[in-house]
Amino acid sequence: MTPSLEEAQRFLGLAKADLAAFELLAANPGIRRAIAFFHAQQAVEKCLKAILFARGVEFHRTHDLLQLAGNIAAAGIALPYQAELLLKLNPFAVELRYDDQTIPLLSDEEASRIATRTLAWAEALVTKAQ
């Protein structure tokens, strides 16, 4: 296995851990939504990076899901949904992580669907790249 595929596998493992953290935190009503959604955002971010690693696409360090999606599109890979959907998770990477506001950008269910769908898609693409 090449180093880039090993890194892709590592990032998928990290994404799975973030998705599990999101699910645990989202189920706890005492946890701020922004904390839970941060982990959903991180799961998606790591999935997108795993795909880029698997395909050998260089990219800049970023938490911006739209930028990563642009890198994926430029590599000729179609997302499993409209890139604009990522706008709902993007603010949880940095902006809302340190804020105590409740901002109804998305529901727990929608965040779960985005992250779960992205993980399944990324796993399939990384497996195919192997």
N, C-alpha and C. Protein backbone atom coordinates (compact mmCIF):
# COMPACT_ATOMS: atom_id res chain seq x y z
N MET A 1 0.85 -1.18 0.00
CA MET A 1 0.00 0.00 0.00
C MET A 1 0.90 1.24 0.00
N THR A 2 0.54 2.21 -0.79
CA THR A 2 1.34 3.44 -0.89
C THR A 2 1.12 4.31 0.35
N PRO A 3 2.06 5.21 0.62
CA PRO A 3 1.88 6.12 1.76
C PRO A 3 0.59 6.96 1.67
N SER A 4 0.23 7.38 0.46
CA SER A 4 -0.98 8.20 0.34
C SER A 4 -2.24 7.37 0.63
N LEU A 5 -2.24 6.09 0.26
CA LEU A 5 -3.39 5.23 0.59
C LEU A 5 -3.41 4.92 2.08
N GLU A 6 -2.25 4.77 2.68
CA GLU A 6 -2.20 4.57 4.14
C GLU A 6 -2.76 5.79 4.86
N GLU A 7 -2.42 6.97 4.37
CA GLU A 7 -2.94 8.20 4.98
C GLU A 7 -4.45 8.30 4.77
N ALA A 8 -4.92 7.88 3.61
CA ALA A 8 -6.36 7.88 3.35
C ALA A 8 -7.07 6.96 4.35
N GLN A 9 -6.52 5.78 4.58
CA GLN A 9 -7.10 4.85 5.54
C GLN A 9 -7.07 5.42 6.95
N ARG A 10 -5.99 6.08 7.30
CA ARG A 10 -5.87 6.69 8.62
C ARG A 10 -6.95 7.76 8.81
N PHE A 11 -7.15 8.58 7.79
CA PHE A 11 -8.15 9.64 7.87
C PHE A 11 -9.57 9.08 7.94
N LEU A 12 -9.81 7.96 7.27
CA LEU A 12 -11.13 7.33 7.38
C LEU A 12 -11.36 6.84 8.81
N GLY A 13 -10.32 6.30 9.43
CA GLY A 13 -10.44 5.87 10.83
C GLY A 13 -10.74 7.04 11.75
N LEU A 14 -10.06 8.16 11.51
CA LEU A 14 -10.32 9.37 12.29
C LEU A 14 -11.74 9.88 12.06
N ALA A 15 -12.21 9.80 10.82
CA ALA A 15 -13.57 10.23 10.50
C ALA A 15 -14.59 9.37 11.23
N LYS A 16 -14.36 8.07 11.28
CA LYS A 16 -15.27 7.18 12.00
C LYS A 16 -15.33 7.54 13.48
N ALA A 17 -14.19 7.87 14.06
CA ALA A 17 -14.15 8.25 15.47
C ALA A 17 -14.91 9.56 15.68
N ASP A 18 -14.76 10.51 14.78
CA ASP A 18 -15.50 11.77 14.90
C ASP A 18 -17.00 11.56 14.73
N LEU A 19 -17.39 10.68 13.83
CA LEU A 19 -18.81 10.39 13.65
C LEU A 19 -19.37 9.75 14.92
N ALA A 20 -18.63 8.84 15.52
CA ALA A 20 -19.07 8.21 16.77
C ALA A 20 -19.19 9.26 17.88
N ALA A 21 -18.23 10.18 17.94
CA ALA A 21 -18.29 11.25 18.95
C ALA A 21 -19.52 12.12 18.72
N PHE A 22 -19.78 12.47 17.46
CA PHE A 22 -20.98 13.26 17.15
C PHE A 22 -22.23 12.55 17.65
N GLU A 23 -22.36 11.27 17.34
CA GLU A 23 -23.56 10.53 17.70
C GLU A 23 -23.75 10.49 19.22
N LEU A 24 -22.67 10.28 19.97
CA LEU A 24 -22.76 10.28 21.43
C LEU A 24 -23.14 11.65 21.97
N LEU A 25 -22.49 12.67 21.46
CA LEU A 25 -22.75 14.02 21.95
C LEU A 25 -24.14 14.52 21.55
N ALA A 26 -24.56 14.20 20.35
CA ALA A 26 -25.88 14.64 19.88
C ALA A 26 -27.00 13.99 20.68
N ALA A 27 -26.74 12.80 21.21
CA ALA A 27 -27.76 12.10 22.00
C ALA A 27 -27.88 12.65 23.42
N ASN A 28 -26.95 13.49 23.81
CA ASN A 28 -26.94 14.05 25.17
C ASN A 28 -27.52 15.47 25.14
N PRO A 29 -28.70 15.67 25.73
CA PRO A 29 -29.32 17.00 25.68
C PRO A 29 -28.54 18.07 26.45
N GLY A 30 -27.61 17.66 27.30
CA GLY A 30 -26.81 18.63 28.06
C GLY A 30 -25.63 19.18 27.30
N ILE A 31 -25.38 18.67 26.11
CA ILE A 31 -24.23 19.10 25.30
C ILE A 31 -24.70 20.14 24.30
N ARG A 32 -23.96 21.24 24.21
CA ARG A 32 -24.28 22.27 23.20
C ARG A 32 -24.22 21.66 21.80
N ARG A 33 -25.16 22.04 20.95
CA ARG A 33 -25.21 21.51 19.58
C ARG A 33 -23.92 21.80 18.83
N ALA A 34 -23.33 22.98 19.05
CA ALA A 34 -22.11 23.34 18.33
C ALA A 34 -20.98 22.36 18.62
N ILE A 35 -20.93 21.84 19.84
CA ILE A 35 -19.89 20.87 20.19
C ILE A 35 -20.12 19.57 19.43
N ALA A 36 -21.36 19.11 19.42
CA ALA A 36 -21.67 17.88 18.68
C ALA A 36 -21.43 18.07 17.18
N PHE A 37 -21.93 19.19 16.63
CA PHE A 37 -21.81 19.42 15.19
C PHE A 37 -20.36 19.61 14.76
N PHE A 38 -19.51 20.07 15.67
CA PHE A 38 -18.08 20.16 15.35
C PHE A 38 -17.57 18.79 14.91
N HIS A 39 -17.99 17.75 15.61
CA HIS A 39 -17.51 16.40 15.27
C HIS A 39 -18.11 15.89 13.96
N ALA A 40 -19.33 16.29 13.65
CA ALA A 40 -19.90 15.94 12.34
C ALA A 40 -19.11 16.62 11.23
N GLN A 41 -18.78 17.90 11.46
CA GLN A 41 -17.99 18.64 10.47
C GLN A 41 -16.63 17.98 10.30
N GLN A 42 -16.01 17.59 11.41
CA GLN A 42 -14.70 16.97 11.35
C GLN A 42 -14.74 15.63 10.62
N ALA A 43 -15.80 14.86 10.83
CA ALA A 43 -15.94 13.59 10.12
C ALA A 43 -15.99 13.81 8.62
N VAL A 44 -16.78 14.78 8.19
CA VAL A 44 -16.88 15.08 6.76
C VAL A 44 -15.55 15.59 6.23
N GLU A 45 -14.93 16.50 6.95
CA GLU A 45 -13.63 17.05 6.53
C GLU A 45 -12.60 15.93 6.33
N LYS A 46 -12.53 15.02 7.26
CA LYS A 46 -11.54 13.95 7.18
C LYS A 46 -11.86 12.97 6.05
N CYS A 47 -13.15 12.77 5.78
CA CYS A 47 -13.53 11.93 4.63
C CYS A 47 -13.08 12.57 3.32
N LEU A 48 -13.32 13.87 3.18
CA LEU A 48 -12.92 14.56 1.95
C LEU A 48 -11.40 14.51 1.78
N LYS A 49 -10.68 14.70 2.86
CA LYS A 49 -9.22 14.62 2.79
C LYS A 49 -8.75 13.21 2.47
N ALA A 50 -9.45 12.20 3.00
CA ALA A 50 -9.09 10.81 2.70
C ALA A 50 -9.19 10.54 1.20
N ILE A 51 -10.23 11.07 0.59
CA ILE A 51 -10.39 10.89 -0.86
C ILE A 51 -9.24 11.56 -1.62
N LEU A 52 -8.90 12.76 -1.19
CA LEU A 52 -7.80 13.48 -1.85
C LEU A 52 -6.49 12.72 -1.68
N PHE A 53 -6.24 12.20 -0.49
CA PHE A 53 -5.03 11.39 -0.28
C PHE A 53 -5.05 10.15 -1.17
N ALA A 54 -6.19 9.47 -1.22
CA ALA A 54 -6.29 8.24 -2.00
C ALA A 54 -6.04 8.48 -3.48
N ARG A 55 -6.44 9.63 -3.96
CA ARG A 55 -6.26 9.96 -5.38
C ARG A 55 -4.94 10.69 -5.64
N GLY A 56 -4.17 10.93 -4.61
CA GLY A 56 -2.89 11.61 -4.79
C GLY A 56 -3.02 13.08 -5.16
N VAL A 57 -4.10 13.71 -4.73
CA VAL A 57 -4.34 15.11 -5.04
C VAL A 57 -3.77 15.97 -3.91
N GLU A 58 -2.89 16.89 -4.25
CA GLU A 58 -2.35 17.79 -3.24
C GLU A 58 -3.38 18.86 -2.91
N PHE A 59 -3.39 19.25 -1.64
CA PHE A 59 -4.34 20.28 -1.20
C PHE A 59 -3.72 21.04 -0.04
N HIS A 60 -4.24 22.26 0.15
CA HIS A 60 -3.77 23.10 1.25
C HIS A 60 -4.48 22.69 2.54
N ARG A 61 -3.79 22.86 3.65
CA ARG A 61 -4.42 22.61 4.95
C ARG A 61 -5.57 23.59 5.14
N THR A 62 -6.74 23.05 5.38
CA THR A 62 -7.91 23.89 5.55
C THR A 62 -8.99 23.11 6.29
N HIS A 63 -9.90 23.85 6.90
CA HIS A 63 -11.10 23.25 7.48
C HIS A 63 -12.31 23.56 6.60
N ASP A 64 -12.10 24.26 5.50
CA ASP A 64 -13.17 24.70 4.62
C ASP A 64 -13.65 23.54 3.75
N LEU A 65 -14.83 23.04 4.06
CA LEU A 65 -15.37 21.90 3.31
C LEU A 65 -15.61 22.23 1.85
N LEU A 66 -16.01 23.46 1.56
CA LEU A 66 -16.24 23.83 0.15
C LEU A 66 -14.94 23.86 -0.63
N GLN A 67 -13.87 24.30 -0.01
CA GLN A 67 -12.57 24.29 -0.69
C GLN A 67 -12.14 22.86 -0.97
N LEU A 68 -12.30 21.98 0.00
CA LEU A 68 -11.95 20.57 -0.21
C LEU A 68 -12.84 19.94 -1.28
N ALA A 69 -14.12 20.29 -1.26
CA ALA A 69 -15.03 19.78 -2.29
C ALA A 69 -14.62 20.29 -3.67
N GLY A 70 -14.13 21.52 -3.73
CA GLY A 70 -13.62 22.06 -5.00
C GLY A 70 -12.41 21.29 -5.50
N ASN A 71 -11.53 20.91 -4.59
CA ASN A 71 -10.37 20.10 -4.96
C ASN A 71 -10.82 18.73 -5.51
N ILE A 72 -11.83 18.19 -4.87
CA ILE A 72 -12.36 16.89 -5.31
C ILE A 72 -13.01 17.02 -6.68
N ALA A 73 -13.79 18.06 -6.87
CA ALA A 73 -14.43 18.28 -8.18
C ALA A 73 -13.38 18.51 -9.26
N ALA A 74 -12.33 19.26 -8.94
CA ALA A 74 -11.26 19.52 -9.91
C ALA A 74 -10.54 18.23 -10.31
N ALA A 75 -10.57 17.23 -9.42
CA ALA A 75 -9.96 15.94 -9.72
C ALA A 75 -10.91 15.03 -10.50
N GLY A 76 -12.09 15.57 -10.83
CA GLY A 76 -13.05 14.80 -11.63
C GLY A 76 -13.89 13.83 -10.82
N ILE A 77 -14.02 14.09 -9.53
CA ILE A 77 -14.80 13.21 -8.66
C ILE A 77 -16.07 13.96 -8.26
N ALA A 78 -17.19 13.31 -8.44
CA ALA A 78 -18.48 13.93 -8.10
C ALA A 78 -18.83 13.64 -6.65
N LEU A 79 -19.28 14.67 -5.95
CA LEU A 79 -19.78 14.49 -4.59
C LEU A 79 -21.10 13.73 -4.62
N PRO A 80 -21.46 13.08 -3.52
CA PRO A 80 -22.74 12.35 -3.50
C PRO A 80 -23.94 13.26 -3.23
N TYR A 81 -23.70 14.57 -3.15
CA TYR A 81 -24.75 15.56 -2.91
C TYR A 81 -24.24 16.90 -3.40
N GLN A 82 -25.10 17.91 -3.37
CA GLN A 82 -24.71 19.25 -3.80
C GLN A 82 -23.69 19.82 -2.80
N ALA A 83 -22.63 20.43 -3.30
CA ALA A 83 -21.59 20.98 -2.44
C ALA A 83 -22.14 22.03 -1.47
N GLU A 84 -23.21 22.71 -1.85
CA GLU A 84 -23.79 23.74 -1.00
C GLU A 84 -24.28 23.16 0.33
N LEU A 85 -24.59 21.88 0.36
CA LEU A 85 -25.01 21.24 1.60
C LEU A 85 -23.92 21.34 2.66
N LEU A 86 -22.68 21.40 2.21
CA LEU A 86 -21.55 21.50 3.14
C LEU A 86 -21.52 22.85 3.86
N LEU A 87 -22.18 23.84 3.27
CA LEU A 87 -22.24 25.16 3.92
C LEU A 87 -22.88 25.09 5.31
N LYS A 88 -23.75 24.12 5.51
CA LYS A 88 -24.41 23.99 6.80
C LYS A 88 -23.46 23.50 7.89
N LEU A 89 -22.48 22.72 7.52
CA LEU A 89 -21.51 22.20 8.50
C LEU A 89 -20.27 23.08 8.63
N ASN A 90 -19.94 23.80 7.59
CA ASN A 90 -18.70 24.58 7.56
C ASN A 90 -18.48 25.47 8.79
N PRO A 91 -19.49 26.21 9.26
CA PRO A 91 -19.24 27.12 10.39
C PRO A 91 -18.84 26.42 11.69
N PHE A 92 -19.13 25.14 11.80
CA PHE A 92 -18.84 24.45 13.05
C PHE A 92 -17.37 24.07 13.19
N ALA A 93 -16.58 24.22 12.14
CA ALA A 93 -15.16 23.92 12.21
C ALA A 93 -14.44 24.90 13.11
N VAL A 94 -14.76 26.17 12.98
CA VAL A 94 -14.04 27.19 13.74
C VAL A 94 -15.01 28.22 14.34
N GLU A 95 -15.79 28.88 13.50
CA GLU A 95 -16.58 30.02 13.94
C GLU A 95 -17.48 29.72 15.13
N LEU A 96 -18.28 28.67 15.04
CA LEU A 96 -19.26 28.39 16.08
C LEU A 96 -18.73 27.51 17.20
N ARG A 97 -17.53 27.02 17.03
CA ARG A 97 -16.96 26.12 18.03
C ARG A 97 -16.74 26.84 19.36
N TYR A 98 -16.45 28.12 19.31
CA TYR A 98 -16.16 28.87 20.52
C TYR A 98 -17.28 29.84 20.87
N ASP A 99 -18.45 29.56 20.38
CA ASP A 99 -19.58 30.44 20.59
C ASP A 99 -20.65 29.68 21.38
N ASP A 100 -21.36 30.37 22.22
CA ASP A 100 -22.40 29.71 22.99
C ASP A 100 -23.79 29.94 22.40
N GLN A 101 -23.85 30.50 21.21
CA GLN A 101 -25.13 30.71 20.55
C GLN A 101 -25.69 29.40 20.03
N THR A 102 -26.99 29.32 19.99
CA THR A 102 -27.65 28.20 19.34
C THR A 102 -28.08 28.70 17.97
N ILE A 103 -27.50 28.13 16.95
CA ILE A 103 -27.79 28.57 15.59
C ILE A 103 -28.40 27.39 14.83
N PRO A 104 -29.65 27.51 14.43
CA PRO A 104 -30.34 26.39 13.79
C PRO A 104 -29.96 26.22 12.32
N LEU A 105 -28.72 25.88 12.05
CA LEU A 105 -28.29 25.68 10.67
C LEU A 105 -28.76 24.33 10.15
N LEU A 106 -28.82 23.35 11.04
CA LEU A 106 -29.25 22.02 10.64
C LEU A 106 -29.66 21.24 11.88
N SER A 107 -30.36 20.17 11.64
CA SER A 107 -30.81 19.31 12.74
C SER A 107 -29.77 18.23 13.00
N ASP A 108 -29.92 17.56 14.13
CA ASP A 108 -29.04 16.42 14.43
C ASP A 108 -29.15 15.37 13.33
N GLU A 109 -30.38 15.12 12.88
CA GLU A 109 -30.61 14.09 11.86
C GLU A 109 -29.93 14.46 10.54
N GLU A 110 -30.03 15.74 10.17
CA GLU A 110 -29.41 16.17 8.91
C GLU A 110 -27.89 16.08 9.00
N ALA A 111 -27.33 16.51 10.11
CA ALA A 111 -25.88 16.41 10.30
C ALA A 111 -25.43 14.95 10.24
N SER A 112 -26.21 14.08 10.87
CA SER A 112 -25.89 12.65 10.84
C SER A 112 -25.95 12.09 9.42
N ARG A 113 -26.99 12.48 8.67
CA ARG A 113 -27.12 12.00 7.29
C ARG A 113 -25.95 12.45 6.43
N ILE A 114 -25.56 13.71 6.56
CA ILE A 114 -24.45 14.23 5.75
C ILE A 114 -23.17 13.47 6.09
N ALA A 115 -22.88 13.35 7.38
CA ALA A 115 -21.63 12.70 7.79
C ALA A 115 -21.63 11.21 7.44
N THR A 116 -22.73 10.53 7.68
CA THR A 116 -22.81 9.09 7.40
C THR A 116 -22.70 8.82 5.90
N ARG A 117 -23.39 9.63 5.12
CA ARG A 117 -23.36 9.46 3.66
C ARG A 117 -21.96 9.75 3.12
N THR A 118 -21.32 10.77 3.66
CA THR A 118 -19.97 11.11 3.20
C THR A 118 -19.00 10.00 3.56
N LEU A 119 -19.13 9.42 4.74
CA LEU A 119 -18.24 8.34 5.15
C LEU A 119 -18.40 7.12 4.25
N ALA A 120 -19.62 6.73 3.98
CA ALA A 120 -19.86 5.56 3.11
C ALA A 120 -19.28 5.80 1.72
N TRP A 121 -19.49 6.99 1.20
CA TRP A 121 -18.96 7.37 -0.13
C TRP A 121 -17.45 7.36 -0.13
N ALA A 122 -16.84 7.94 0.90
CA ALA A 122 -15.38 8.01 0.97
C ALA A 122 -14.78 6.61 1.10
N GLU A 123 -15.38 5.77 1.93
CA GLU A 123 -14.87 4.41 2.08
C GLU A 123 -14.90 3.66 0.76
N ALA A 124 -15.96 3.84 0.00
CA ALA A 124 -16.07 3.17 -1.31
C ALA A 124 -14.99 3.67 -2.26
N LEU A 125 -14.75 4.98 -2.29
CA LEU A 125 -13.74 5.53 -3.20
C LEU A 125 -12.33 5.13 -2.79
N VAL A 126 -12.06 5.12 -1.50
CA VAL A 126 -10.72 4.73 -1.04
C VAL A 126 -10.50 3.25 -1.31
N THR A 127 -11.50 2.44 -1.08
CA THR A 127 -11.38 0.99 -1.37
C THR A 127 -11.12 0.78 -2.86
N LYS A 128 -11.81 1.53 -3.69
CA LYS A 128 -11.63 1.42 -5.14
C LYS A 128 -10.21 1.84 -5.55
N ALA A 129 -9.65 2.84 -4.86
CA ALA A 129 -8.31 3.32 -5.19
C ALA A 129 -7.24 2.30 -4.82
N GLN A 130 -7.56 1.41 -3.90
CA GLN A 130 -6.59 0.40 -3.49
C GLN A 130 -6.50 -0.65 -4.55
